[in-house]
Protein backbone atom coordinates (compact mmCIF):
# COMPACT_ATOMS: atom_id res chain seq x y z
CA MET A 1 103.59 -17.45 -1.51
CA ARG A 2 100.61 -15.19 0.10
CA LEU A 3 102.01 -12.81 2.36
CA ALA A 4 101.80 -9.68 4.45
CA PHE A 5 105.37 -6.84 4.24
CA MET A 6 105.20 -4.71 7.42
CA GLY A 7 107.98 -2.64 7.11
CA SER A 8 107.72 2.09 6.62
CA PRO A 9 111.38 3.49 5.97
CA ASP A 10 113.21 3.64 3.17
CA PHE A 11 115.51 0.51 4.48
CA ALA A 12 112.08 -1.57 3.56
CA VAL A 13 111.13 -0.59 -0.20
CA PRO A 14 113.72 -2.76 -1.61
CA ALA A 15 112.98 -5.47 -0.06
CA LEU A 16 108.54 -4.85 -0.52
CA ARG A 17 109.78 -4.64 -4.44
CA ALA A 18 111.49 -7.79 -4.09
CA LEU A 19 108.70 -9.84 -3.10
CA VAL A 20 106.43 -8.51 -5.76
CA GLU A 21 108.91 -8.95 -8.87
CA ALA A 22 108.93 -12.58 -7.07
CA GLY A 23 105.93 -13.10 -7.88
CA HIS A 24 104.48 -13.18 -3.91
CA GLU A 25 101.32 -11.91 -3.51
CA VAL A 26 101.39 -9.61 -1.19
CA ALA A 27 97.86 -9.04 0.14
CA ALA A 28 98.12 -5.81 2.52
CA VAL A 29 100.96 -3.46 2.93
CA TYR A 30 101.36 -2.34 6.40
CA CYS A 31 102.57 0.89 7.28
CA GLN A 32 103.38 3.51 10.12
CA PRO A 33 100.39 6.33 9.73
CA PRO A 34 100.90 9.52 7.43
CA ARG A 35 102.73 12.05 9.75
CA PRO A 36 103.21 16.16 8.86
CA ALA A 37 106.10 16.82 7.51
CA GLY A 38 108.06 20.08 5.55
CA ARG A 39 107.38 23.15 5.92
CA GLY A 40 104.07 22.94 5.82
CA GLN A 41 103.93 19.78 8.15
CA ARG A 42 101.15 18.61 5.57
CA GLU A 43 100.85 15.06 6.43
CA THR A 44 103.13 12.61 4.24
CA PRO A 45 102.92 9.21 3.81
CA CYS A 46 106.07 7.03 4.39
CA PRO A 47 108.55 5.14 1.91
CA VAL A 48 107.00 1.83 2.08
CA HIS A 49 103.25 3.60 2.10
CA ARG A 50 104.25 5.61 -1.17
CA ALA A 51 106.15 2.59 -3.60
CA ALA A 52 103.03 0.54 -2.24
CA LEU A 53 100.65 2.47 -3.73
CA GLU A 54 102.66 2.89 -7.14
CA LEU A 55 102.73 -1.50 -6.60
CA GLY A 56 98.57 -0.94 -6.68
CA LEU A 57 98.67 -2.87 -2.99
CA PRO A 58 96.26 -2.40 -0.65
CA VAL A 59 97.53 -0.17 2.06
CA ARG A 60 96.74 -0.25 6.20
CA THR A 61 98.39 2.65 7.96
CA PRO A 62 97.18 1.63 12.33
CA ALA A 63 98.68 3.78 14.73
CA ARG A 64 98.80 0.61 17.67
CA VAL A 65 98.36 -3.11 17.01
CA ARG A 66 99.28 -4.37 20.57
CA ARG A 67 95.71 -4.39 22.25
CA ASP A 68 93.48 -3.68 19.50
CA ALA A 69 91.21 -7.11 19.09
CA ALA A 70 90.07 -5.73 15.61
CA GLU A 71 93.49 -5.48 14.30
CA HIS A 72 94.19 -8.20 15.25
CA ALA A 73 91.25 -10.59 13.95
CA ALA A 74 91.61 -8.33 10.91
CA PHE A 75 95.19 -9.46 10.06
CA ARG A 76 93.96 -13.26 10.79
CA ALA A 77 91.86 -13.10 8.58
CA LEU A 78 94.08 -12.89 5.67
CA ASP A 79 95.13 -16.24 6.03
CA LEU A 80 99.18 -15.64 5.64
CA ASP A 81 101.48 -18.15 4.32
CA ALA A 82 103.94 -15.40 6.35
CA ALA A 83 104.38 -11.79 7.12
CA VAL A 84 107.33 -9.86 6.30
CA VAL A 85 108.74 -7.43 8.72
CA ALA A 86 111.58 -5.01 8.33
CA ALA A 87 111.79 -1.49 10.35
CA TYR A 88 108.14 -1.41 10.96
CA GLY A 89 108.24 0.11 14.11
CA LEU A 90 105.18 -0.93 16.13
CA ILE A 91 106.00 -4.04 18.45
CA LEU A 92 103.80 -7.52 17.19
CA PRO A 93 101.51 -8.89 20.41
CA PRO A 94 101.82 -13.09 19.67
CA GLU A 95 98.17 -12.76 17.83
CA MET A 96 99.95 -11.69 15.11
CA LEU A 97 103.17 -13.50 15.61
CA GLU A 98 101.35 -16.37 15.72
CA ALA A 99 99.05 -15.96 12.75
CA PRO A 100 100.31 -16.55 9.32
CA ARG A 101 100.61 -20.21 8.73
CA ARG A 102 105.13 -19.52 8.97
CA GLY A 103 104.99 -16.97 11.43
CA CYS A 104 106.19 -13.44 11.26
CA LEU A 105 110.05 -13.17 9.38
CA ASN A 106 111.90 -9.76 10.56
CA ILE A 107 114.86 -7.98 8.19
CA HIS A 108 117.06 -6.98 10.69
CA ALA A 109 120.05 -4.37 9.68
CA SER A 110 123.09 -6.55 11.78
CA LEU A 111 124.60 -9.77 12.53
CA LEU A 112 122.56 -10.90 15.68
CA PRO A 113 122.67 -11.03 19.22
CA ARG A 114 125.32 -8.30 17.82
CA TRP A 115 123.10 -4.84 17.23
CA ARG A 116 119.70 -5.46 18.95
CA GLY A 117 117.36 -2.85 18.48
CA ALA A 118 116.70 0.83 16.59
CA ALA A 119 119.91 1.52 15.22
CA PRO A 120 122.46 -0.96 14.76
CA ILE A 121 123.97 0.75 11.42
CA HIS A 122 124.45 3.04 13.74
CA ALA A 123 125.96 0.61 16.53
CA ALA A 124 128.73 -1.27 13.95
CA LEU A 125 130.46 2.32 12.36
CA LEU A 126 130.41 3.88 16.35
CA ALA A 127 132.47 0.74 17.46
CA GLY A 128 134.07 0.46 15.01
CA ASP A 129 133.15 -3.25 13.81
CA ARG A 130 134.64 -4.29 10.66
CA GLU A 131 131.91 -6.14 9.40
CA THR A 132 128.05 -6.16 9.71
CA GLY A 133 125.38 -7.80 7.49
CA ILE A 134 121.33 -8.80 7.71
CA THR A 135 120.19 -11.15 10.01
CA THR A 136 116.73 -12.50 9.00
CA MET A 137 114.91 -14.43 12.28
CA GLN A 138 111.90 -15.55 12.93
CA MET A 139 110.17 -13.21 15.37
CA ASP A 140 108.95 -13.88 18.82
CA GLU A 141 107.63 -11.37 21.29
CA GLY A 142 111.67 -10.24 22.55
CA LEU A 143 113.47 -7.42 21.38
CA ASP A 144 115.31 -9.22 18.62
CA THR A 145 115.64 -11.92 19.93
CA GLY A 146 113.76 -14.77 17.64
CA ALA A 147 115.48 -17.35 16.19
CA ALA A 148 118.31 -16.88 13.01
CA LEU A 149 116.95 -17.84 9.33
CA LEU A 150 119.88 -16.86 7.39
CA ARG A 151 123.23 -14.11 7.41
CA GLU A 152 125.03 -12.22 5.36
CA ALA A 153 127.73 -10.04 5.74
CA THR A 154 128.97 -6.92 4.23
CA PRO A 155 132.49 -5.78 5.63
CA ILE A 156 132.78 -1.82 7.30
CA GLY A 157 135.46 0.07 4.84
CA PRO A 158 137.36 3.57 5.49
CA HIS A 159 135.14 5.89 4.46
CA ASP A 160 131.54 3.85 5.15
CA THR A 161 128.52 6.08 5.83
CA THR A 162 125.41 5.18 7.92
CA ALA A 163 124.11 6.15 3.99
CA THR A 164 126.27 3.95 2.30
CA LEU A 165 125.71 0.78 4.79
CA HIS A 166 121.97 1.54 4.93
CA ASP A 167 121.57 1.63 0.97
CA ARG A 168 123.73 -1.99 1.18
CA LEU A 169 122.15 -3.44 3.45
CA ALA A 170 118.47 -3.03 1.72
CA GLU A 171 119.49 -5.28 -0.97
CA ILE A 172 121.11 -7.49 0.80
CA GLY A 173 117.86 -7.78 2.86
CA ALA A 174 115.84 -8.18 -0.33
CA ARG A 175 117.76 -10.35 -1.63
CA LEU A 176 118.47 -12.39 1.70
CA ILE A 177 114.53 -12.65 2.62
CA LEU A 178 113.50 -14.39 -0.94
CA ARG A 179 115.82 -16.99 -0.36
CA THR A 180 114.73 -17.05 3.26
CA LEU A 181 110.89 -17.42 1.72
CA ALA A 182 112.32 -20.27 -0.98
CA GLU A 183 114.70 -22.47 1.22
CA ALA A 184 112.69 -22.40 5.19
CA PRO A 185 116.27 -22.71 6.96
CA PRO A 186 115.67 -24.28 9.87
CA PRO A 187 115.78 -21.99 12.47
CA VAL A 188 118.65 -21.61 14.92
CA PRO A 189 118.51 -19.54 18.12
CA GLN A 190 121.21 -16.63 19.14
CA PRO A 191 123.28 -17.30 21.15
CA ALA A 192 123.08 -15.34 24.97
CA GLU A 193 126.74 -14.73 24.14
CA GLY A 194 127.67 -11.43 22.30
CA ALA A 195 124.50 -10.16 22.78
CA THR A 196 124.48 -6.65 22.19
CA TYR A 197 121.47 -3.68 22.12
CA ALA A 198 121.62 -0.44 19.50
CA PRO A 199 119.11 1.94 21.25
CA LYS A 200 117.13 4.44 19.43
CA LEU A 201 119.30 8.00 18.62
CA SER A 202 117.89 11.21 19.44
CA LYS A 203 119.19 14.90 17.97
CA ALA A 204 120.97 15.26 20.99
CA ASP A 205 123.40 12.43 19.47
CA ALA A 206 124.72 15.22 16.92
CA ALA A 207 126.95 16.54 19.35
CA LEU A 208 130.91 16.27 18.65
CA ASP A 209 132.58 15.86 22.48
CA TRP A 210 136.22 16.87 21.91
CA THR A 211 137.33 15.06 24.87
CA GLN A 212 136.95 11.82 22.57
CA PRO A 213 139.80 10.77 20.56
CA ALA A 214 139.60 11.48 17.30
CA GLU A 215 139.18 7.36 15.75
CA ALA A 216 135.71 8.05 17.99
CA ILE A 217 135.08 11.26 16.77
CA GLU A 218 135.82 10.16 13.19
CA ARG A 219 133.67 7.80 13.47
CA ARG A 220 131.01 9.52 14.98
CA VAL A 221 130.49 11.43 12.35
CA ARG A 222 130.04 8.71 9.47
CA ALA A 223 127.67 6.91 11.78
CA MET A 224 125.86 9.98 12.04
CA ASN A 225 125.48 10.90 8.51
CA PRO A 226 122.93 11.78 7.17
CA TRP A 227 121.22 11.91 10.12
CA PRO A 228 121.30 13.62 13.27
CA GLY A 229 124.35 14.93 11.41
CA THR A 230 127.47 16.07 14.04
CA GLN A 231 127.90 19.93 15.03
CA PHE A 232 130.08 22.06 16.87
CA ARG A 233 129.06 25.25 18.15
CA VAL A 234 131.45 28.83 17.37
CA GLY A 235 129.33 30.73 19.88
CA GLU A 236 126.04 31.08 18.95
CA GLU A 237 126.35 29.57 15.35
CA VAL A 238 126.41 25.57 14.71
CA VAL A 239 128.19 24.23 12.43
CA ARG A 240 127.85 20.76 10.69
CA VAL A 241 131.15 18.21 9.45
CA LEU A 242 129.85 16.23 7.29
CA ALA A 243 133.32 14.68 7.32
CA ALA A 244 136.67 14.28 8.81
CA GLU A 245 139.72 12.28 9.08
CA VAL A 246 142.13 11.77 11.89
CA ALA A 247 145.29 13.78 11.45
CA GLU A 248 148.44 14.02 12.89
CA PRO A 249 148.33 14.66 16.95
CA ALA A 250 147.88 17.52 18.66
CA PRO A 251 150.47 18.89 21.11
CA ASP A 252 150.60 17.83 24.46
CA ALA A 253 148.94 20.75 26.71
CA ALA A 254 146.16 21.72 23.28
CA LEU A 255 143.47 21.42 24.92
CA PRO A 256 140.65 19.96 23.40
CA GLY A 257 137.95 21.94 20.90
CA THR A 258 141.15 23.86 20.36
CA VAL A 259 141.96 24.99 16.38
CA LEU A 260 145.72 24.27 15.68
CA ASP A 261 146.15 25.26 11.81
CA ASN A 262 144.20 27.18 8.87
CA SER A 263 142.94 23.14 7.44
CA PRO A 264 141.77 23.30 10.22
CA ARG A 265 142.26 20.46 12.50
CA VAL A 266 141.25 20.46 16.16
CA ALA A 267 142.61 18.70 19.11
CA CYS A 268 141.13 16.07 20.04
CA GLY A 269 141.07 13.21 23.30
CA ASN A 270 144.96 11.55 24.51
CA GLY A 271 146.26 13.64 22.58
CA THR A 272 144.93 12.79 19.30
CA ALA A 273 143.15 15.90 16.54
CA LEU A 274 141.19 15.64 13.62
CA ARG A 275 141.03 17.45 10.52
CA LEU A 276 137.31 19.04 9.30
CA LEU A 277 137.26 18.10 5.49
CA ARG A 278 133.50 19.33 4.57
CA LEU A 279 131.35 21.78 6.70
CA GLN A 280 127.97 23.09 6.31
CA ARG A 281 126.26 25.85 8.59
CA GLN A 282 122.34 26.29 9.41
CA GLY A 283 121.02 27.71 6.06
CA ARG A 284 123.84 27.30 3.44
CA GLY A 285 124.62 24.74 1.10
CA PRO A 286 127.86 22.16 2.69
CA LEU A 287 131.46 22.87 1.78
CA GLU A 288 134.90 21.96 1.33
CA ALA A 289 136.94 23.08 4.32
CA ALA A 290 138.96 25.63 2.46
CA ALA A 291 135.98 27.47 0.52
CA PHE A 292 134.16 27.21 4.06
CA LEU A 293 136.80 29.00 5.69
CA ARG A 294 136.78 31.67 3.05
CA GLY A 295 133.88 32.85 4.58
CA PHE A 296 133.79 32.03 7.80
CA ALA A 297 136.72 32.52 10.21
CA LEU A 298 137.92 30.03 12.39
CA PRO A 299 141.38 31.74 13.94
CA VAL A 300 143.85 29.39 15.08
CA GLY A 301 143.23 29.03 19.06
CA THR A 302 139.72 28.95 19.09
CA VAL A 303 138.03 26.68 20.81
CA LEU A 304 135.10 25.17 19.45
CA SER A 305 131.77 24.22 22.20
């Protein structure tokens, strides 16, 4: 088929490569414009942009498309069978949604209608879901409200992080969009019941709240790995938590955030406790807890903020 591909982050790269390897003609790749990155703040193309250049595909990076009639006309002139969209980052207007003969097909990282929105992988982990997956859908003007086409589920294991789920779901998405294009399944409207929303995250989501139960904090550590991470303060020092596990309960009188022993075990809400397994100071490398504590003291009784 003659396609446009619209995506920006690493999550979308496997799908782009799969479409090319399957013999589809990718007439244009749309992605976010290059952004300043790194210490030198040099203009850096996004992962999909870099992959498209490696594949020899034409790249378009409009800063906005919603009210740009020239962009709408240029998109329509591509004469597409379909557009495949995966975490593009811009909202498509009706003029673009309706231009390809089969419309715009989205690869979404959840089992819709659960976890519509910007951060579905994080949300599934935070909520303690037992499974997640990929849904391909026929896009409409709503936020991930289009009719579902195909789905594939994957279990969420006790050690899964956003990083591990991201990579697994990206590969499932690549496989599922090929099936969607080949099989042309009938669109099935999403049910209203069970719809949930996963809002966009910010750096503020890295802060740990020790008044929450240990189970919820342990899920947050996995959900925020690798970004925005999770952290606490000891005085002026910021310490990142890279791995943790639920530990034996805290004493009844323990204030949430109190270091209970040298493992280190920290008191949490509802009388629970969390053991910190892997930690990192700013500007330093990650360390297992025992090695970390040899260079940074967390005395028993310290209250972490």
